[in-house]
Protein backbone atom coordinates (compact mmCIF):
# COMPACT_ATOMS: atom_id res chain seq x y z
CA MET A 1 -67.03 218.20 142.75
CA ASP A 2 -67.95 221.38 145.17
CA ARG A 3 -64.31 221.28 146.97
CA PRO A 4 -61.78 219.18 145.13
CA ARG A 5 -58.98 217.64 147.06
CA LEU A 6 -55.90 217.03 145.61
CA ARG A 7 -54.35 213.46 146.68
CA PRO A 8 -50.53 213.28 147.84
CA LEU A 9 -48.90 212.94 144.33
CA GLU A 10 -44.97 212.81 143.24
CA VAL A 11 -44.14 216.26 142.41
CA ILE A 12 -41.13 216.61 140.06
CA PRO A 13 -39.52 219.71 138.85
CA SER A 14 -39.01 219.64 134.83
CA LEU A 15 -38.66 221.39 131.78
CA ASP A 16 -41.11 221.33 128.60
CA ASP A 17 -40.08 221.23 125.63
CA GLN A 18 -39.42 225.00 124.98
CA GLY A 19 -37.51 225.16 128.41
CA ARG A 20 -39.76 226.27 130.18
CA ARG A 21 -40.53 225.53 134.11
CA VAL A 22 -43.27 222.74 134.54
CA ILE A 23 -43.89 220.39 137.37
CA VAL A 24 -44.80 216.80 136.57
CA LEU A 25 -47.40 215.03 138.55
CA ARG A 26 -47.55 211.23 139.36
CA ASP A 27 -49.02 208.99 141.42
CA SER A 28 -46.61 207.66 143.90
CA LEU A 29 -48.69 204.31 144.34
CA ARG A 30 -49.30 203.87 140.85
CA LEU A 31 -52.70 203.39 141.24
CA SER A 32 -53.21 205.63 137.77
CA GLU A 33 -50.60 205.82 135.37
CA ALA A 34 -51.35 209.50 134.35
CA VAL A 35 -48.88 211.66 134.09
CA LEU A 36 -49.73 215.33 134.11
CA VAL A 37 -47.72 218.80 133.20
CA VAL A 38 -48.58 221.78 135.45
CA PRO A 39 -46.92 224.98 134.23
CA ILE A 40 -45.25 226.81 137.48
CA PRO A 41 -48.02 229.61 137.64
CA LEU A 42 -50.77 227.38 138.28
CA ILE A 43 -49.20 225.92 141.32
CA PRO A 44 -51.29 228.32 143.22
CA VAL A 45 -54.28 226.59 141.78
CA LEU A 46 -53.15 222.91 142.70
CA GLN A 47 -52.13 224.32 146.77
CA ARG A 48 -56.15 225.65 146.94
CA LEU A 49 -57.50 221.86 145.78
CA ASP A 50 -57.32 221.22 149.63
CA GLY A 51 -61.03 220.25 150.25
CA GLU A 52 -61.85 223.48 152.52
CA HIS A 53 -62.29 225.86 148.99
CA THR A 54 -64.93 226.09 146.63
CA LEU A 55 -63.75 226.38 143.28
CA GLU A 56 -65.51 230.11 143.43
CA GLN A 57 -62.81 230.86 146.36
CA VAL A 58 -59.68 228.76 144.43
CA ARG A 59 -60.18 231.49 141.52
CA ALA A 60 -61.15 234.65 143.62
CA GLU A 61 -57.87 234.04 145.79
CA CYS A 62 -55.74 233.42 142.76
CA LEU A 63 -56.47 236.89 141.14
CA GLY A 64 -56.51 238.50 144.65
CA GLU A 65 -53.21 237.36 145.89
CA HIS A 66 -51.47 236.04 142.40
CA ARG A 67 -53.14 238.39 139.85
CA ILE A 68 -53.81 234.99 137.91
CA ASP A 69 -57.11 234.88 136.31
CA ILE A 70 -58.11 232.18 135.30
CA PRO A 71 -61.95 231.61 134.14
CA GLU A 72 -64.16 229.17 135.47
CA ALA A 73 -64.72 227.01 132.27
CA ASN A 74 -61.06 226.82 132.44
CA LEU A 75 -60.77 225.84 136.34
CA ARG A 76 -63.60 223.73 136.09
CA GLN A 77 -61.47 221.96 132.93
CA ILE A 78 -58.19 221.88 135.15
CA VAL A 79 -60.17 220.19 137.83
CA SER A 80 -61.85 217.39 135.47
CA GLN A 81 -58.53 216.49 134.01
CA LEU A 82 -56.85 215.64 137.90
CA ASP A 83 -60.44 214.03 138.44
CA GLU A 84 -59.80 211.72 134.97
CA ALA A 85 -56.42 211.13 136.39
CA HIS A 86 -57.61 209.77 139.42
CA PHE A 87 -55.63 212.60 141.26
CA LEU A 88 -58.34 213.72 143.24
CA ASP A 89 -59.19 212.13 146.92
CA GLY A 90 -62.97 211.08 147.77
CA GLU A 91 -65.59 208.78 147.57
CA GLY A 92 -64.96 208.00 144.03
CA PHE A 93 -61.18 207.85 144.20
CA GLU A 94 -61.68 205.51 147.23
CA GLY A 95 -63.82 202.93 145.57
CA TRP A 96 -61.87 202.50 142.71
CA ARG A 97 -58.44 202.05 145.00
CA ARG A 98 -60.23 199.28 146.91
CA THR A 99 -61.56 197.33 143.57
CA ILE A 100 -57.80 197.55 142.22
CA GLU A 101 -56.38 196.48 145.72
CA ARG A 102 -58.53 193.52 146.01
CA ALA A 103 -57.71 192.63 142.81
CA PHE A 104 -54.03 192.65 143.78
CA LEU A 105 -54.43 190.77 146.91
CA ALA A 106 -56.75 188.19 145.42
CA ALA A 107 -54.16 187.31 142.82
CA PRO A 108 -52.40 183.80 143.37
CA VAL A 109 -48.99 185.67 141.94
CA ARG A 110 -48.06 189.45 141.44
CA PRO A 111 -48.31 190.05 137.88
CA SER A 112 -45.46 192.23 135.79
CA PHE A 113 -46.20 195.56 136.50
CA LEU A 114 -43.16 197.31 133.70
CA ALA A 115 -43.29 194.47 131.02
CA GLY A 116 -44.14 196.15 127.82
CA LYS A 117 -43.12 199.51 129.51
CA SER A 118 -39.77 199.65 130.91
CA TYR A 119 -38.55 196.67 129.44
CA GLU A 120 -39.59 194.17 126.77
CA ALA A 121 -42.51 191.64 127.22
CA ASP A 122 -41.55 189.20 124.44
CA PRO A 123 -39.29 186.63 126.20
CA ALA A 124 -36.90 185.90 123.09
CA ALA A 125 -36.23 189.86 122.80
CA LEU A 126 -35.75 190.44 126.37
CA ARG A 127 -33.36 187.51 126.86
CA ALA A 128 -31.73 189.29 123.93
CA ARG A 129 -31.66 192.46 125.80
CA LEU A 130 -30.32 190.99 128.86
CA ASP A 131 -27.64 189.50 126.79
CA GLY A 132 -26.93 192.82 125.39
CA PHE A 133 -25.84 194.27 128.68
CA PHE A 134 -23.60 191.89 129.86
CA THR A 135 -21.76 192.15 125.83
CA ASP A 136 -21.83 195.89 125.82
CA PRO A 137 -18.46 197.53 125.74
CA GLU A 138 -19.25 198.66 129.67
CA GLY A 139 -20.32 195.23 130.77
CA PRO A 140 -18.27 192.34 132.23
CA GLY A 141 -18.79 189.82 129.41
CA LEU A 142 -21.37 186.79 129.60
CA PRO A 143 -21.65 184.80 132.86
CA GLN A 144 -20.49 181.18 133.26
CA LEU A 145 -23.28 179.56 135.27
CA ASN A 146 -21.01 176.73 137.09
CA GLY A 147 -21.21 179.00 140.81
CA ALA A 148 -17.31 177.82 140.97
CA ASN A 149 -15.43 181.11 140.57
CA GLY A 150 -14.61 182.28 144.00
CA ALA A 151 -16.14 181.88 147.31
CA PRO A 152 -19.97 182.11 147.28
CA LEU A 153 -21.55 185.48 147.97
CA ARG A 154 -23.40 186.27 151.42
CA GLY A 155 -24.86 189.32 149.55
CA LEU A 156 -24.89 191.43 146.49
CA VAL A 157 -25.68 195.05 145.90
CA ALA A 158 -27.69 196.19 142.47
CA PRO A 159 -29.36 199.00 140.75
CA HIS A 160 -32.55 199.60 140.74
CA ILE A 161 -32.50 202.27 138.07
CA ASP A 162 -34.39 201.64 134.71
CA PHE A 163 -32.48 199.17 132.15
CA HIS A 164 -31.94 201.48 129.53
CA ARG A 165 -29.74 203.50 131.45
CA GLY A 166 -28.20 200.96 134.21
CA GLY A 167 -28.27 197.98 132.36
CA PRO A 168 -24.10 196.87 132.02
CA THR A 169 -24.18 197.70 136.11
CA PHE A 170 -26.82 195.55 136.04
CA ALA A 171 -25.05 192.97 134.87
CA TRP A 172 -22.19 193.26 136.88
CA SER A 173 -24.31 192.24 139.79
CA TYR A 174 -25.59 189.29 138.20
CA ARG A 175 -22.45 188.00 136.63
CA ALA A 176 -20.64 187.92 139.85
CA LEU A 177 -23.80 186.01 141.39
CA ALA A 178 -23.84 183.66 138.43
CA GLU A 179 -20.03 182.89 138.93
CA ARG A 180 -20.06 183.21 142.82
CA GLY A 181 -23.44 181.64 143.22
CA GLY A 182 -24.31 178.61 144.89
CA ALA A 183 -27.43 179.99 146.56
CA ASP A 184 -30.94 178.97 145.77
CA LEU A 185 -32.60 181.17 148.29
CA PHE A 186 -32.36 185.15 147.23
CA VAL A 187 -33.50 187.33 149.90
CA VAL A 188 -34.38 190.92 147.76
CA LEU A 189 -34.31 194.18 150.12
CA GLY A 190 -35.86 196.63 147.62
CA THR A 191 -36.37 200.35 148.10
CA VAL A 192 -39.69 201.16 148.51
CA HIS A 193 -40.65 203.96 146.61
CA ALA A 194 -44.32 204.72 147.95
CA PRO A 195 -45.27 206.10 151.62
CA THR A 196 -45.70 202.68 153.92
CA GLN A 197 -46.57 202.30 157.58
CA GLY A 198 -44.14 199.90 158.32
CA PHE A 199 -40.11 199.49 157.71
CA TYR A 200 -40.44 196.40 156.23
CA THR A 201 -43.08 194.93 153.82
CA LEU A 202 -43.42 191.08 152.41
CA THR A 203 -45.41 189.44 150.19
CA GLU A 204 -45.74 185.40 149.82
CA LYS A 205 -46.63 186.39 145.66
CA GLY A 206 -44.48 185.02 143.01
CA PHE A 207 -43.26 187.49 140.50
CA GLU A 208 -44.51 187.12 136.96
CA THR A 209 -41.96 187.65 134.41
CA PRO A 210 -41.82 187.78 130.78
CA LEU A 211 -39.31 184.47 131.00
CA GLY A 212 -41.51 183.00 133.95
CA THR A 213 -42.76 182.96 137.25
CA LEU A 214 -39.91 183.49 139.85
CA ASP A 215 -41.44 181.43 142.93
CA THR A 216 -41.09 182.77 146.83
CA ASP A 217 -40.29 180.65 149.29
CA ARG A 218 -43.46 180.62 151.67
CA GLU A 219 -41.95 178.55 154.37
CA PHE A 220 -38.91 181.64 154.97
CA ILE A 221 -41.64 184.58 154.36
CA ARG A 222 -44.02 182.90 157.45
CA ALA A 223 -40.85 182.06 159.61
CA LEU A 224 -39.91 185.66 159.34
CA ALA A 225 -43.44 187.16 159.69
CA ARG A 226 -43.90 185.47 163.02
CA ARG A 227 -40.32 186.35 164.38
CA ALA A 228 -40.35 189.91 163.38
CA PRO A 229 -42.33 192.82 164.96
CA GLY A 230 -45.39 194.23 163.74
CA ASP A 231 -47.26 193.02 160.50
CA LEU A 232 -45.04 192.56 157.67
CA PHE A 233 -48.08 192.45 155.32
CA ARG A 234 -49.93 195.22 156.08
CA ASP A 235 -48.20 197.39 153.58
CA GLU A 236 -48.55 194.45 151.01
CA PHE A 237 -50.27 196.48 148.26
CA THR A 238 -46.99 198.60 147.47
CA GLN A 239 -45.91 195.39 145.97
CA ARG A 240 -48.12 195.93 143.36
CA ALA A 241 -46.29 198.34 141.19
CA GLU A 242 -42.91 198.92 143.14
CA HIS A 243 -39.50 198.28 140.44
CA SER A 244 -37.09 198.03 142.76
CA ILE A 245 -38.15 193.92 143.05
CA GLU A 246 -39.39 193.62 139.96
CA PHE A 247 -35.98 194.16 138.15
CA GLN A 248 -34.36 191.96 140.31
CA ALA A 249 -37.15 189.07 139.77
CA VAL A 250 -36.48 189.54 136.08
CA PHE A 251 -32.17 189.25 136.25
CA LEU A 252 -32.84 185.99 138.52
CA GLN A 253 -35.14 184.34 136.47
CA TYR A 254 -33.08 185.25 133.56
CA LEU A 255 -30.26 183.43 135.31
CA TYR A 256 -31.67 180.34 136.87
CA GLY A 257 -35.46 179.85 134.89
CA GLY A 258 -35.54 176.54 133.77
CA ARG A 259 -32.10 175.72 134.66
CA ARG A 260 -32.14 175.32 138.11
CA PRO A 261 -34.23 175.35 140.93
CA VAL A 262 -34.24 178.88 142.79
CA LYS A 263 -36.60 180.73 145.01
CA PHE A 264 -36.71 184.40 146.64
CA VAL A 265 -38.20 186.39 149.21
CA PRO A 266 -39.47 190.18 148.06
CA LEU A 267 -38.62 192.55 150.99
CA LEU A 268 -39.35 195.74 150.39
CA VAL A 269 -37.59 198.43 152.75
CA GLY A 270 -39.14 201.89 153.90
CA SER A 271 -37.59 205.15 154.45
CA PHE A 272 -35.54 205.46 157.37
CA GLY A 273 -36.06 209.23 156.68
CA GLU A 274 -37.36 209.72 160.61
CA PHE A 275 -33.70 208.93 162.00
CA VAL A 276 -32.16 211.43 159.29
CA ILE A 277 -34.41 214.05 160.07
CA GLN A 278 -33.98 213.50 164.10
CA GLY A 279 -30.08 212.54 163.64
CA ARG A 280 -29.47 209.35 164.66
CA SER A 281 -28.53 206.12 163.83
CA PRO A 282 -31.39 203.25 163.78
CA ARG A 283 -29.43 201.11 165.82
CA GLY A 284 -31.17 201.01 168.90
CA ASP A 285 -34.66 201.22 167.70
CA ALA A 286 -36.91 198.62 168.62
CA ARG A 287 -38.24 198.27 164.96
CA VAL A 288 -35.24 197.96 163.46
CA GLU A 289 -33.29 196.21 165.49
CA GLY A 290 -36.39 193.64 165.78
CA PHE A 291 -36.78 193.18 162.44
CA VAL A 292 -32.91 192.49 162.01
CA GLY A 293 -32.97 189.91 164.74
CA ALA A 294 -35.41 188.27 163.15
CA LEU A 295 -34.40 188.42 159.84
CA ARG A 296 -31.09 186.93 161.07
CA GLY A 297 -32.85 184.13 163.02
CA THR A 298 -34.63 182.74 159.56
CA LEU A 299 -31.47 182.93 157.55
CA GLU A 300 -29.70 180.86 160.25
CA GLU A 301 -32.60 178.06 160.39
CA ALA A 302 -32.87 178.35 156.44
CA ARG A 303 -29.01 177.51 156.64
CA ALA A 304 -29.71 174.48 159.01
CA ALA A 305 -32.14 172.97 156.88
CA GLY A 306 -29.67 172.98 153.93
CA LYS A 307 -30.64 176.31 152.18
CA ARG A 308 -28.10 178.34 150.55
CA PRO A 309 -29.46 182.39 151.11
CA CYS A 310 -27.99 185.62 149.67
CA LEU A 311 -29.16 188.90 150.40
CA VAL A 312 -30.03 191.38 147.58
CA ALA A 313 -30.07 195.03 148.28
CA SER A 314 -31.84 196.45 144.82
CA VAL A 315 -30.74 200.20 145.37
CA ASP A 316 -29.57 203.42 144.09
CA LEU A 317 -27.08 205.78 145.21
CA ALA A 318 -27.59 209.56 144.78
CA HIS A 319 -30.22 212.00 143.03
CA VAL A 320 -29.63 215.25 142.78
CA GLY A 321 -30.60 218.04 140.66
CA PRO A 322 -33.98 220.25 140.01
CA GLN A 323 -36.13 217.27 139.18
CA PHE A 324 -35.48 216.13 142.64
CA GLY A 325 -35.63 218.97 144.33
CA ASP A 326 -32.40 220.98 144.32
CA GLU A 327 -31.90 224.25 143.18
CA GLY A 328 -28.82 224.41 140.54
CA PRO A 329 -28.41 221.99 137.38
CA VAL A 330 -25.51 219.36 137.84
CA ASP A 331 -22.52 219.89 136.79
CA GLY A 332 -18.96 218.27 136.33
CA GLU A 333 -17.76 219.82 139.60
CA ARG A 334 -20.90 218.27 141.05
CA LEU A 335 -20.45 215.08 139.40
CA ALA A 336 -17.10 214.80 140.95
CA ALA A 337 -18.35 215.65 144.62
CA LEU A 338 -20.96 213.02 144.27
CA GLU A 339 -18.33 210.59 143.21
CA ARG A 340 -16.07 211.16 146.11
CA ALA A 341 -19.07 210.77 148.30
CA ASP A 342 -20.52 207.82 146.72
CA TRP A 343 -16.85 206.29 147.25
CA THR A 344 -16.81 207.28 151.17
CA SER A 345 -20.12 205.23 151.80
CA LEU A 346 -19.03 202.01 149.44
CA ASP A 347 -15.63 202.01 151.59
CA ALA A 348 -17.66 201.57 154.71
CA ALA A 349 -20.37 199.07 153.08
CA CYS A 350 -17.24 197.31 152.00
CA ARG A 351 -15.71 196.95 155.34
CA GLY A 352 -19.06 195.88 156.38
CA ASP A 353 -19.39 198.87 159.01
CA ALA A 354 -23.13 199.59 158.92
CA GLU A 355 -22.62 202.89 160.95
CA ALA A 356 -19.81 204.29 159.26
CA PHE A 357 -21.77 203.97 156.10
CA TRP A 358 -25.40 205.21 157.75
CA TRP A 359 -23.48 208.47 158.90
CA SER A 360 -21.10 209.01 155.44
CA VAL A 361 -24.92 209.63 153.82
CA ALA A 362 -27.30 211.19 157.16
CA GLU A 363 -24.90 213.13 158.07
CA ASP A 364 -25.31 216.01 156.16
CA GLY A 365 -29.35 215.13 156.14
CA ASP A 366 -28.80 212.75 153.05
CA ALA A 367 -28.05 215.70 150.57
CA ARG A 368 -27.72 213.34 148.07
CA LYS A 369 -30.94 211.77 148.47
CA VAL A 370 -29.77 207.80 148.81
CA CYS A 371 -32.68 205.83 148.25
CA GLY A 372 -30.61 202.60 149.14
CA LEU A 373 -29.77 204.05 152.64
CA ALA A 374 -32.48 201.77 154.28
CA PRO A 375 -31.81 198.67 152.18
CA ILE A 376 -28.26 198.78 152.54
CA TYR A 377 -27.86 199.53 156.09
CA THR A 378 -30.55 196.61 156.73
CA LEU A 379 -28.03 194.35 154.69
CA LEU A 380 -25.13 195.31 156.75
CA ARG A 381 -26.52 194.82 160.13
CA THR A 382 -27.70 191.70 159.33
CA LEU A 383 -24.36 190.04 157.63
CA ASP A 384 -22.15 190.64 160.42
CA GLY A 385 -18.78 190.46 159.77
CA CYS A 386 -19.35 190.87 155.46
CA ARG A 387 -16.93 192.19 153.11
CA GLY A 388 -17.92 193.58 149.99
CA GLU A 389 -16.00 194.93 146.62
CA VAL A 390 -17.16 196.85 144.35
CA LEU A 391 -17.35 195.85 140.58
CA ARG A 392 -18.95 198.79 139.31
CA TYR A 393 -19.69 202.55 139.90
CA SER A 394 -21.99 204.31 137.50
CA GLN A 395 -23.02 207.95 137.35
CA TRP A 396 -26.41 208.87 134.67
CA PRO A 397 -25.27 212.52 134.08
CA ASP A 398 -28.14 214.46 133.58
CA PRO A 399 -28.31 217.97 134.29
CA ASN A 400 -31.35 218.30 135.64
CA GLY A 401 -31.59 215.08 137.80
CA THR A 402 -28.41 212.70 137.92
CA VAL A 403 -28.96 209.37 139.53
CA THR A 404 -25.67 207.47 140.64
CA PHE A 405 -25.47 203.73 141.07
CA CYS A 406 -23.32 200.41 141.51
CA SER A 407 -22.75 196.87 141.47
CA VAL A 408 -21.02 194.96 144.96
CA ALA A 409 -19.98 191.38 145.51
CA ILE A 410 -20.14 190.56 149.45
CA GLY A 411 -18.57 188.03 150.70
């Protein structure tokens, strides 16, 4: 490979086992499951893998500008490792990517991506683990699946942090859904963590889980796709590895699989970062307004047909610390400030005030890096006049990378 070019990757600042600063490279599309740890002194090498530099030029510039003397054999080994991880662009990568994409798009269902990785692949073990989230000291207790405890929910906010950190908070959301249920159609608005061309992305594929397949409502999906502007299937491949909807599919199948028939709509919501950068609300943007209007109309049509829909925002809140690009570690003072800011946002969401929620996050340029900004905003705009109740607010207080998340019932 004469002029290697690094693909766009997820770059995570971290520390190695000896406390030295490193960066972790990961494929944001999860095409490759490789994870490479790179020492900080090698960053100039990566910066020059741009498709324009030869290896000889990379070596010469690193020596001349940074006084980093990398033997040619070592440099070729670095490039070889990146290539084996599928982190380098080129014809070989593109052919490999197309093979994976065609296989996914041709499949009748979406295979579970994280079973056996983030959660148990064995059904009995998974069900026992989910039970444990409800009975955990921080959990809400096991749900009663009668749907008779209060007015039916119009919406729900649930986390999408991995189960081992957020399990009890998931349980608070799903106990509320079980006991204030009655819904038989769940429109899941999940944060997408990979780049997309559009804001909203659908798939008709049911989601396989170890507890069975959660089927989609294809009638609803096709009606929504007809009404909404743009092509809602253009980025469908991003559904393949996205965890935000997969985690909700597992919990929905846990609650309802084999008990009563339900269907769902897997709807990924892309970044609204362009509006944050421009210092304006998404309100008035034709793409957002067109989609919100289309979703409202499709929900009304579903209700008229006797369906009972509920919107589920699969989101986390703040992401702060060196892992997420901040300079210093997260201390107790920062955790307290995060909690105050998060509660301001949640208060606005619980009032059903989409604009107040938006500005509570975007006013400072989204310094907290709230990954649930776009899905929650879309949910609030869709459910006019809604009111919410925070069931659980949680923090995972890691000095290197803290994440906050919550459970909110919306009526």
